[in-house]
Amino acid sequence: MTGGKLADQQQGGADVAELAAQLVQVGDPRVRADALAAAALAAAAARGAVTLVSANLTASDGDLRVAEAEQLAAAAERSAAYAVRC
């Protein structure tokens, strides 16, 4: 993992997006819009962390930290997209 606050942002984005997608699927319909918004914002935070990892850690081509950040952002985006389809 990249370590520090960026790692927390990446993992948090992926986790929140997944939880929000679950809430959309099985939660109270009255909070569906809130859960969709949470999933979208969490995915955006995870995607933003990819840019920060690339820029602030002076990552080189093929840097595993960037690849890991990308994987977490993609997971968050999949969860947000799933939430929309529910």
PDB file of N, CA and C in Angstrom:
ATOM      1  N   MET A   1       0.841  -1.180   0.000  1.00  0.00           N
ATOM      2  CA  MET A   1       0.000   0.000   0.000  1.00  0.00           C
ATOM      3  C   MET A   1       0.879   1.233   0.000  1.00  0.00           C
ATOM      4  N   THR A   2       0.328   2.321  -0.451  1.00  0.00           N
ATOM      5  CA  THR A   2       1.092   3.555  -0.573  1.00  0.00           C
ATOM      6  C   THR A   2       1.412   4.176   0.766  1.00  0.00           C
ATOM      7  N   GLY A   3       0.666   3.866   1.789  1.00  0.00           N
ATOM      8  CA  GLY A   3       0.952   4.377   3.126  1.00  0.00           C
ATOM      9  C   GLY A   3       0.378   5.761   3.351  1.00  0.00           C
ATOM     10  N   GLY A   4       0.042   6.047   4.579  1.00  0.00           N
ATOM     11  CA  GLY A   4      -0.378   7.377   4.962  1.00  0.00           C
ATOM     12  C   GLY A   4      -1.775   7.758   4.531  1.00  0.00           C
ATOM     13  N   LYS A   5      -1.966   9.081   4.439  1.00  0.00           N
ATOM     14  CA  LYS A   5      -3.299   9.619   4.175  1.00  0.00           C
ATOM     15  C   LYS A   5      -3.832   9.247   2.796  1.00  0.00           C
ATOM     16  N   LEU A   6      -2.962   9.169   1.806  1.00  0.00           N
ATOM     17  CA  LEU A   6      -3.435   8.783   0.481  1.00  0.00           C
ATOM     18  C   LEU A   6      -3.960   7.358   0.491  1.00  0.00           C
ATOM     19  N   ALA A   7      -3.281   6.481   1.191  1.00  0.00           N
ATOM     20  CA  ALA A   7      -3.746   5.090   1.292  1.00  0.00           C
ATOM     21  C   ALA A   7      -5.089   5.036   1.988  1.00  0.00           C
ATOM     22  N   ASP A   8      -5.242   5.826   3.032  1.00  0.00           N
ATOM     23  CA  ASP A   8      -6.521   5.878   3.736  1.00  0.00           C
ATOM     24  C   ASP A   8      -7.622   6.385   2.820  1.00  0.00           C
ATOM     25  N   GLN A   9      -7.319   7.404   2.017  1.00  0.00           N
ATOM     26  CA  GLN A   9      -8.304   7.960   1.093  1.00  0.00           C
ATOM     27  C   GLN A   9      -8.683   6.928   0.046  1.00  0.00           C
ATOM     28  N   GLN A  10      -7.710   6.220  -0.465  1.00  0.00           N
ATOM     29  CA  GLN A  10      -7.986   5.208  -1.484  1.00  0.00           C
ATOM     30  C   GLN A  10      -8.841   4.082  -0.931  1.00  0.00           C
ATOM     31  N   GLN A  11      -8.412   3.528   0.181  1.00  0.00           N
ATOM     32  CA  GLN A  11      -9.148   2.406   0.767  1.00  0.00           C
ATOM     33  C   GLN A  11     -10.519   2.858   1.247  1.00  0.00           C
ATOM     34  N   GLY A  12     -10.579   4.033   1.838  1.00  0.00           N
ATOM     35  CA  GLY A  12     -11.858   4.571   2.302  1.00  0.00           C
ATOM     36  C   GLY A  12     -12.826   4.781   1.159  1.00  0.00           C
ATOM     37  N   GLY A  13     -12.346   5.297   0.045  1.00  0.00           N
ATOM     38  CA  GLY A  13     -13.205   5.489  -1.113  1.00  0.00           C
ATOM     39  C   GLY A  13     -13.778   4.174  -1.608  1.00  0.00           C
ATOM     40  N   ALA A  14     -12.933   3.171  -1.689  1.00  0.00           N
ATOM     41  CA  ALA A  14     -13.400   1.856  -2.146  1.00  0.00           C
ATOM     42  C   ALA A  14     -14.397   1.257  -1.161  1.00  0.00           C
ATOM     43  N   ASP A  15     -14.099   1.370   0.126  1.00  0.00           N
ATOM     44  CA  ASP A  15     -14.984   0.801   1.156  1.00  0.00           C
ATOM     45  C   ASP A  15     -16.339   1.498   1.200  1.00  0.00           C
ATOM     46  N   VAL A  16     -16.326   2.824   1.182  1.00  0.00           N
ATOM     47  CA  VAL A  16     -17.579   3.582   1.258  1.00  0.00           C
ATOM     48  C   VAL A  16     -18.433   3.324   0.019  1.00  0.00           C
ATOM     49  N   ALA A  17     -17.809   3.287  -1.140  1.00  0.00           N
ATOM     50  CA  ALA A  17     -18.577   3.018  -2.357  1.00  0.00           C
ATOM     51  C   ALA A  17     -19.228   1.643  -2.297  1.00  0.00           C
ATOM     52  N   GLU A  18     -18.508   0.657  -1.798  1.00  0.00           N
ATOM     53  CA  GLU A  18     -19.079  -0.688  -1.683  1.00  0.00           C
ATOM     54  C   GLU A  18     -20.235  -0.724  -0.684  1.00  0.00           C
ATOM     55  N   LEU A  19     -20.046  -0.083   0.465  1.00  0.00           N
ATOM     56  CA  LEU A  19     -21.118  -0.046   1.467  1.00  0.00           C
ATOM     57  C   LEU A  19     -22.339   0.712   0.952  1.00  0.00           C
ATOM     58  N   ALA A  20     -22.102   1.793   0.243  1.00  0.00           N
ATOM     59  CA  ALA A  20     -23.210   2.569  -0.309  1.00  0.00           C
ATOM     60  C   ALA A  20     -23.979   1.747  -1.340  1.00  0.00           C
ATOM     61  N   ALA A  21     -23.268   0.981  -2.142  1.00  0.00           N
ATOM     62  CA  ALA A  21     -23.936   0.125  -3.130  1.00  0.00           C
ATOM     63  C   ALA A  21     -24.795  -0.921  -2.428  1.00  0.00           C
ATOM     64  N   GLN A  22     -24.296  -1.465  -1.338  1.00  0.00           N
ATOM     65  CA  GLN A  22     -25.085  -2.427  -0.574  1.00  0.00           C
ATOM     66  C   GLN A  22     -26.327  -1.774   0.016  1.00  0.00           C
ATOM     67  N   LEU A  23     -26.169  -0.547   0.488  1.00  0.00           N
ATOM     68  CA  LEU A  23     -27.300   0.174   1.060  1.00  0.00           C
ATOM     69  C   LEU A  23     -28.368   0.444   0.000  1.00  0.00           C
ATOM     70  N   VAL A  24     -27.946   0.800  -1.192  1.00  0.00           N
ATOM     71  CA  VAL A  24     -28.901   1.008  -2.285  1.00  0.00           C
ATOM     72  C   VAL A  24     -29.675  -0.273  -2.545  1.00  0.00           C
ATOM     73  N   GLN A  25     -28.974  -1.387  -2.517  1.00  0.00           N
ATOM     74  CA  GLN A  25     -29.588  -2.663  -2.852  1.00  0.00           C
ATOM     75  C   GLN A  25     -30.568  -3.143  -1.788  1.00  0.00           C
ATOM     76  N   VAL A  26     -30.209  -3.051  -0.527  1.00  0.00           N
ATOM     77  CA  VAL A  26     -31.030  -3.666   0.524  1.00  0.00           C
ATOM     78  C   VAL A  26     -31.531  -2.682   1.580  1.00  0.00           C
ATOM     79  N   GLY A  27     -31.167  -1.436   1.453  1.00  0.00           N
ATOM     80  CA  GLY A  27     -31.529  -0.461   2.475  1.00  0.00           C
ATOM     81  C   GLY A  27     -32.901   0.152   2.266  1.00  0.00           C
ATOM     82  N   ASP A  28     -33.209   1.040   3.135  1.00  0.00           N
ATOM     83  CA  ASP A  28     -34.474   1.776   3.076  1.00  0.00           C
ATOM     84  C   ASP A  28     -34.511   2.607   1.793  1.00  0.00           C
ATOM     85  N   PRO A  29     -35.541   2.465   0.984  1.00  0.00           N
ATOM     86  CA  PRO A  29     -35.626   3.222  -0.267  1.00  0.00           C
ATOM     87  C   PRO A  29     -35.583   4.738  -0.067  1.00  0.00           C
ATOM     88  N   ARG A  30     -35.941   5.194   1.126  1.00  0.00           N
ATOM     89  CA  ARG A  30     -35.941   6.642   1.383  1.00  0.00           C
ATOM     90  C   ARG A  30     -34.530   7.218   1.423  1.00  0.00           C
ATOM     91  N   VAL A  31     -33.516   6.378   1.583  1.00  0.00           N
ATOM     92  CA  VAL A  31     -32.138   6.886   1.620  1.00  0.00           C
ATOM     93  C   VAL A  31     -31.348   6.491   0.369  1.00  0.00           C
ATOM     94  N   ARG A  32     -32.058   6.007  -0.643  1.00  0.00           N
ATOM     95  CA  ARG A  32     -31.384   5.574  -1.869  1.00  0.00           C
ATOM     96  C   ARG A  32     -30.582   6.707  -2.505  1.00  0.00           C
ATOM     97  N   ALA A  33     -31.168   7.868  -2.622  1.00  0.00           N
ATOM     98  CA  ALA A  33     -30.468   8.993  -3.246  1.00  0.00           C
ATOM     99  C   ALA A  33     -29.214   9.368  -2.458  1.00  0.00           C
ATOM    100  N   ASP A  34     -29.307   9.332  -1.135  1.00  0.00           N
ATOM    101  CA  ASP A  34     -28.143   9.626  -0.304  1.00  0.00           C
ATOM    102  C   ASP A  34     -27.035   8.591  -0.529  1.00  0.00           C
ATOM    103  N   ALA A  35     -27.430   7.316  -0.618  1.00  0.00           N
ATOM    104  CA  ALA A  35     -26.454   6.255  -0.835  1.00  0.00           C
ATOM    105  C   ALA A  35     -25.811   6.378  -2.216  1.00  0.00           C
ATOM    106  N   LEU A  36     -26.603   6.726  -3.214  1.00  0.00           N
ATOM    107  CA  LEU A  36     -26.042   6.932  -4.556  1.00  0.00           C
ATOM    108  C   LEU A  36     -25.035   8.080  -4.561  1.00  0.00           C
ATOM    109  N   ALA A  37     -25.376   9.151  -3.874  1.00  0.00           N
ATOM    110  CA  ALA A  37     -24.455  10.290  -3.784  1.00  0.00           C
ATOM    111  C   ALA A  37     -23.180   9.890  -3.063  1.00  0.00           C
ATOM    112  N   ALA A  38     -23.316   9.125  -1.990  1.00  0.00           N
ATOM    113  CA  ALA A  38     -22.141   8.667  -1.238  1.00  0.00           C
ATOM    114  C   ALA A  38     -21.246   7.794  -2.106  1.00  0.00           C
ATOM    115  N   ALA A  39     -21.842   6.909  -2.877  1.00  0.00           N
ATOM    116  CA  ALA A  39     -21.054   6.033  -3.750  1.00  0.00           C
ATOM    117  C   ALA A  39     -20.299   6.849  -4.792  1.00  0.00           C
ATOM    118  N   ALA A  40     -20.970   7.814  -5.387  1.00  0.00           N
ATOM    119  CA  ALA A  40     -20.329   8.646  -6.413  1.00  0.00           C
ATOM    120  C   ALA A  40     -19.194   9.482  -5.819  1.00  0.00           C
ATOM    121  N   LEU A  41     -19.421  10.064  -4.666  1.00  0.00           N
ATOM    122  CA  LEU A  41     -18.378  10.876  -4.024  1.00  0.00           C
ATOM    123  C   LEU A  41     -17.196  10.022  -3.583  1.00  0.00           C
ATOM    124  N   ALA A  42     -17.476   8.836  -3.086  1.00  0.00           N
ATOM    125  CA  ALA A  42     -16.402   7.943  -2.657  1.00  0.00           C
ATOM    126  C   ALA A  42     -15.555   7.507  -3.852  1.00  0.00           C
ATOM    127  N   ALA A  43     -16.210   7.210  -4.957  1.00  0.00           N
ATOM    128  CA  ALA A  43     -15.469   6.830  -6.161  1.00  0.00           C
ATOM    129  C   ALA A  43     -14.612   7.993  -6.651  1.00  0.00           C
ATOM    130  N   ALA A  44     -15.147   9.197  -6.577  1.00  0.00           N
ATOM    131  CA  ALA A  44     -14.377  10.373  -6.989  1.00  0.00           C
ATOM    132  C   ALA A  44     -13.169  10.590  -6.080  1.00  0.00           C
ATOM    133  N   ALA A  45     -13.329  10.369  -4.793  1.00  0.00           N
ATOM    134  CA  ALA A  45     -12.201  10.509  -3.866  1.00  0.00           C
ATOM    135  C   ALA A  45     -11.117   9.485  -4.175  1.00  0.00           C
ATOM    136  N   ALA A  46     -11.526   8.258  -4.446  1.00  0.00           N
ATOM    137  CA  ALA A  46     -10.553   7.216  -4.777  1.00  0.00           C
ATOM    138  C   ALA A  46      -9.845   7.540  -6.095  1.00  0.00           C
ATOM    139  N   ARG A  47     -10.588   8.034  -7.075  1.00  0.00           N
ATOM    140  CA  ARG A  47      -9.977   8.398  -8.359  1.00  0.00           C
ATOM    141  C   ARG A  47      -9.019   9.577  -8.181  1.00  0.00           C
ATOM    142  N   GLY A  48      -9.414  10.548  -7.365  1.00  0.00           N
ATOM    143  CA  GLY A  48      -8.528  11.680  -7.094  1.00  0.00           C
ATOM    144  C   GLY A  48      -7.230  11.245  -6.438  1.00  0.00           C
ATOM    145  N   ALA A  49      -7.294  10.232  -5.602  1.00  0.00           N
ATOM    146  CA  ALA A  49      -6.094   9.731  -4.936  1.00  0.00           C
ATOM    147  C   ALA A  49      -5.102   9.155  -5.945  1.00  0.00           C
ATOM    148  N   VAL A  50      -5.588   8.603  -7.039  1.00  0.00           N
ATOM    149  CA  VAL A  50      -4.683   8.089  -8.075  1.00  0.00           C
ATOM    150  C   VAL A  50      -3.825   9.232  -8.611  1.00  0.00           C
ATOM    151  N   THR A  51      -4.459  10.355  -8.888  1.00  0.00           N
ATOM    152  CA  THR A  51      -3.729  11.516  -9.385  1.00  0.00           C
ATOM    153  C   THR A  51      -2.711  12.000  -8.358  1.00  0.00           C
ATOM    154  N   LEU A  52      -3.125  12.022  -7.102  1.00  0.00           N
ATOM    155  CA  LEU A  52      -2.214  12.475  -6.054  1.00  0.00           C
ATOM    156  C   LEU A  52      -1.039  11.526  -5.869  1.00  0.00           C
ATOM    157  N   VAL A  53      -1.310  10.247  -5.912  1.00  0.00           N
ATOM    158  CA  VAL A  53      -0.220   9.269  -5.787  1.00  0.00           C
ATOM    159  C   VAL A  53       0.766   9.460  -6.936  1.00  0.00           C
ATOM    160  N   SER A  54       0.254   9.595  -8.133  1.00  0.00           N
ATOM    161  CA  SER A  54       1.115   9.758  -9.304  1.00  0.00           C
ATOM    162  C   SER A  54       1.967  11.020  -9.212  1.00  0.00           C
ATOM    163  N   ALA A  55       1.368  12.107  -8.757  1.00  0.00           N
ATOM    164  CA  ALA A  55       2.064  13.395  -8.723  1.00  0.00           C
ATOM    165  C   ALA A  55       2.943  13.566  -7.485  1.00  0.00           C
ATOM    166  N   ASN A  56       2.408  13.277  -6.326  1.00  0.00           N
ATOM    167  CA  ASN A  56       3.099  13.599  -5.079  1.00  0.00           C
ATOM    168  C   ASN A  56       4.153  12.595  -4.672  1.00  0.00           C
ATOM    169  N   LEU A  57       4.050  11.385  -5.132  1.00  0.00           N
ATOM    170  CA  LEU A  57       5.036  10.381  -4.755  1.00  0.00           C
ATOM    171  C   LEU A  57       6.102  10.211  -5.827  1.00  0.00           C
ATOM    172  N   THR A  58       6.087  11.110  -6.786  1.00  0.00           N
ATOM    173  CA  THR A  58       7.022  11.047  -7.908  1.00  0.00           C
ATOM    174  C   THR A  58       7.189   9.610  -8.380  1.00  0.00           C
ATOM    175  N   ALA A  59       6.072   9.003  -8.669  1.00  0.00           N
ATOM    176  CA  ALA A  59       6.048   7.605  -9.092  1.00  0.00           C
ATOM    177  C   ALA A  59       6.663   7.457 -10.476  1.00  0.00           C
ATOM    178  N   SER A  60       7.386   6.402 -10.651  1.00  0.00           N
ATOM    179  CA  SER A  60       7.964   6.100 -11.960  1.00  0.00           C
ATOM    180  C   SER A  60       7.023   5.182 -12.728  1.00  0.00           C
ATOM    181  N   ASP A  61       7.287   5.027 -14.017  1.00  0.00           N
ATOM    182  CA  ASP A  61       6.465   4.123 -14.829  1.00  0.00           C
ATOM    183  C   ASP A  61       6.480   2.733 -14.210  1.00  0.00           C
ATOM    184  N   GLY A  62       5.297   2.132 -14.116  1.00  0.00           N
ATOM    185  CA  GLY A  62       5.194   0.796 -13.556  1.00  0.00           C
ATOM    186  C   GLY A  62       5.240   0.737 -12.043  1.00  0.00           C
ATOM    187  N   ASP A  63       5.163   1.876 -11.372  1.00  0.00           N
ATOM    188  CA  ASP A  63       5.208   1.917  -9.904  1.00  0.00           C
ATOM    189  C   ASP A  63       4.003   1.175  -9.336  1.00  0.00           C
ATOM    190  N   LEU A  64       4.242   0.246  -8.461  1.00  0.00           N
ATOM    191  CA  LEU A  64       3.161  -0.557  -7.883  1.00  0.00           C
ATOM    192  C   LEU A  64       2.178   0.278  -7.078  1.00  0.00           C
ATOM    193  N   ARG A  65       2.646   1.373  -6.503  1.00  0.00           N
ATOM    194  CA  ARG A  65       1.746   2.234  -5.728  1.00  0.00           C
ATOM    195  C   ARG A  65       0.664   2.831  -6.623  1.00  0.00           C
ATOM    196  N   VAL A  66       1.045   3.214  -7.812  1.00  0.00           N
ATOM    197  CA  VAL A  66       0.075   3.772  -8.750  1.00  0.00           C
ATOM    198  C   VAL A  66      -0.885   2.679  -9.214  1.00  0.00           C
ATOM    199  N   ALA A  67      -0.359   1.507  -9.485  1.00  0.00           N
ATOM    200  CA  ALA A  67      -1.206   0.390  -9.917  1.00  0.00           C
ATOM    201  C   ALA A  67      -2.205   0.025  -8.829  1.00  0.00           C
ATOM    202  N   GLU A  68      -1.762   0.027  -7.583  1.00  0.00           N
ATOM    203  CA  GLU A  68      -2.667  -0.287  -6.473  1.00  0.00           C
ATOM    204  C   GLU A  68      -3.730   0.792  -6.301  1.00  0.00           C
ATOM    205  N   ALA A  69      -3.319   2.035  -6.419  1.00  0.00           N
ATOM    206  CA  ALA A  69      -4.278   3.138  -6.340  1.00  0.00           C
ATOM    207  C   ALA A  69      -5.307   3.024  -7.454  1.00  0.00           C
ATOM    208  N   GLU A  70      -4.853   2.663  -8.638  1.00  0.00           N
ATOM    209  CA  GLU A  70      -5.748   2.492  -9.781  1.00  0.00           C
ATOM    210  C   GLU A  70      -6.741   1.363  -9.532  1.00  0.00           C
ATOM    211  N   GLN A  71      -6.281   0.271  -8.956  1.00  0.00           N
ATOM    212  CA  GLN A  71      -7.165  -0.860  -8.660  1.00  0.00           C
ATOM    213  C   GLN A  71      -8.244  -0.468  -7.656  1.00  0.00           C
ATOM    214  N   LEU A  72      -7.868   0.267  -6.620  1.00  0.00           N
ATOM    215  CA  LEU A  72      -8.851   0.694  -5.628  1.00  0.00           C
ATOM    216  C   LEU A  72      -9.858   1.668  -6.225  1.00  0.00           C
ATOM    217  N   ALA A  73      -9.379   2.586  -7.049  1.00  0.00           N
ATOM    218  CA  ALA A  73     -10.288   3.531  -7.700  1.00  0.00           C
ATOM    219  C   ALA A  73     -11.250   2.790  -8.623  1.00  0.00           C
ATOM    220  N   ALA A  74     -10.745   1.824  -9.360  1.00  0.00           N
ATOM    221  CA  ALA A  74     -11.604   1.046 -10.257  1.00  0.00           C
ATOM    222  C   ALA A  74     -12.649   0.269  -9.459  1.00  0.00           C
ATOM    223  N   ALA A  75     -12.261  -0.281  -8.324  1.00  0.00           N
ATOM    224  CA  ALA A  75     -13.212  -1.004  -7.477  1.00  0.00           C
ATOM    225  C   ALA A  75     -14.305  -0.065  -6.977  1.00  0.00           C
ATOM    226  N   ALA A  76     -13.909   1.132  -6.554  1.00  0.00           N
ATOM    227  CA  ALA A  76     -14.884   2.120  -6.081  1.00  0.00           C
ATOM    228  C   ALA A  76     -15.829   2.520  -7.210  1.00  0.00           C
ATOM    229  N   GLU A  77     -15.284   2.713  -8.395  1.00  0.00           N
ATOM    230  CA  GLU A  77     -16.125   3.081  -9.535  1.00  0.00           C
ATOM    231  C   GLU A  77     -17.073   1.951  -9.929  1.00  0.00           C
ATOM    232  N   ARG A  78     -16.627   0.711  -9.839  1.00  0.00           N
ATOM    233  CA  ARG A  78     -17.527  -0.420 -10.111  1.00  0.00           C
ATOM    234  C   ARG A  78     -18.663  -0.465  -9.093  1.00  0.00           C
ATOM    235  N   SER A  79     -18.340  -0.222  -7.832  1.00  0.00           N
ATOM    236  CA  SER A  79     -19.382  -0.232  -6.805  1.00  0.00           C
ATOM    237  C   SER A  79     -20.390   0.885  -7.038  1.00  0.00           C
ATOM    238  N   ALA A  80     -19.901   2.063  -7.397  1.00  0.00           N
ATOM    239  CA  ALA A  80     -20.810   3.188  -7.669  1.00  0.00           C
ATOM    240  C   ALA A  80     -21.688   2.890  -8.876  1.00  0.00           C
ATOM    241  N   ALA A  81     -21.117   2.300  -9.910  1.00  0.00           N
ATOM    242  CA  ALA A  81     -21.899   1.955 -11.094  1.00  0.00           C
ATOM    243  C   ALA A  81     -22.931   0.886 -10.766  1.00  0.00           C
ATOM    244  N   TYR A  82     -22.562  -0.068  -9.934  1.00  0.00           N
ATOM    245  CA  TYR A  82     -23.484  -1.104  -9.519  1.00  0.00           C
ATOM    246  C   TYR A  82     -24.661  -0.488  -8.752  1.00  0.00           C
ATOM    247  N   ALA A  83     -24.354   0.473  -7.897  1.00  0.00           N
ATOM    248  CA  ALA A  83     -25.401   1.131  -7.108  1.00  0.00           C
ATOM    249  C   ALA A  83     -26.421   1.791  -8.032  1.00  0.00           C
ATOM    250  N   VAL A  84     -25.970   2.397  -9.087  1.00  0.00           N
ATOM    251  CA  VAL A  84     -26.865   3.067 -10.025  1.00  0.00           C
ATOM    252  C   VAL A  84     -27.767   2.048 -10.724  1.00  0.00           C
ATOM    253  N   ARG A  85     -27.222   0.866 -11.011  1.00  0.00           N
ATOM    254  CA  ARG A  85     -27.999  -0.160 -11.710  1.00  0.00           C
ATOM    255  C   ARG A  85     -29.018  -0.861 -10.822  1.00  0.00           C
ATOM    256  N   CYS A  86     -28.871  -0.759  -9.503  1.00  0.00           N
ATOM    257  CA  CYS A  86     -29.806  -1.447  -8.587  1.00  0.00           C
ATOM    258  C   CYS A  86     -31.174  -0.817  -8.598  1.00  0.00           C
TER     259      CYS A  86
END
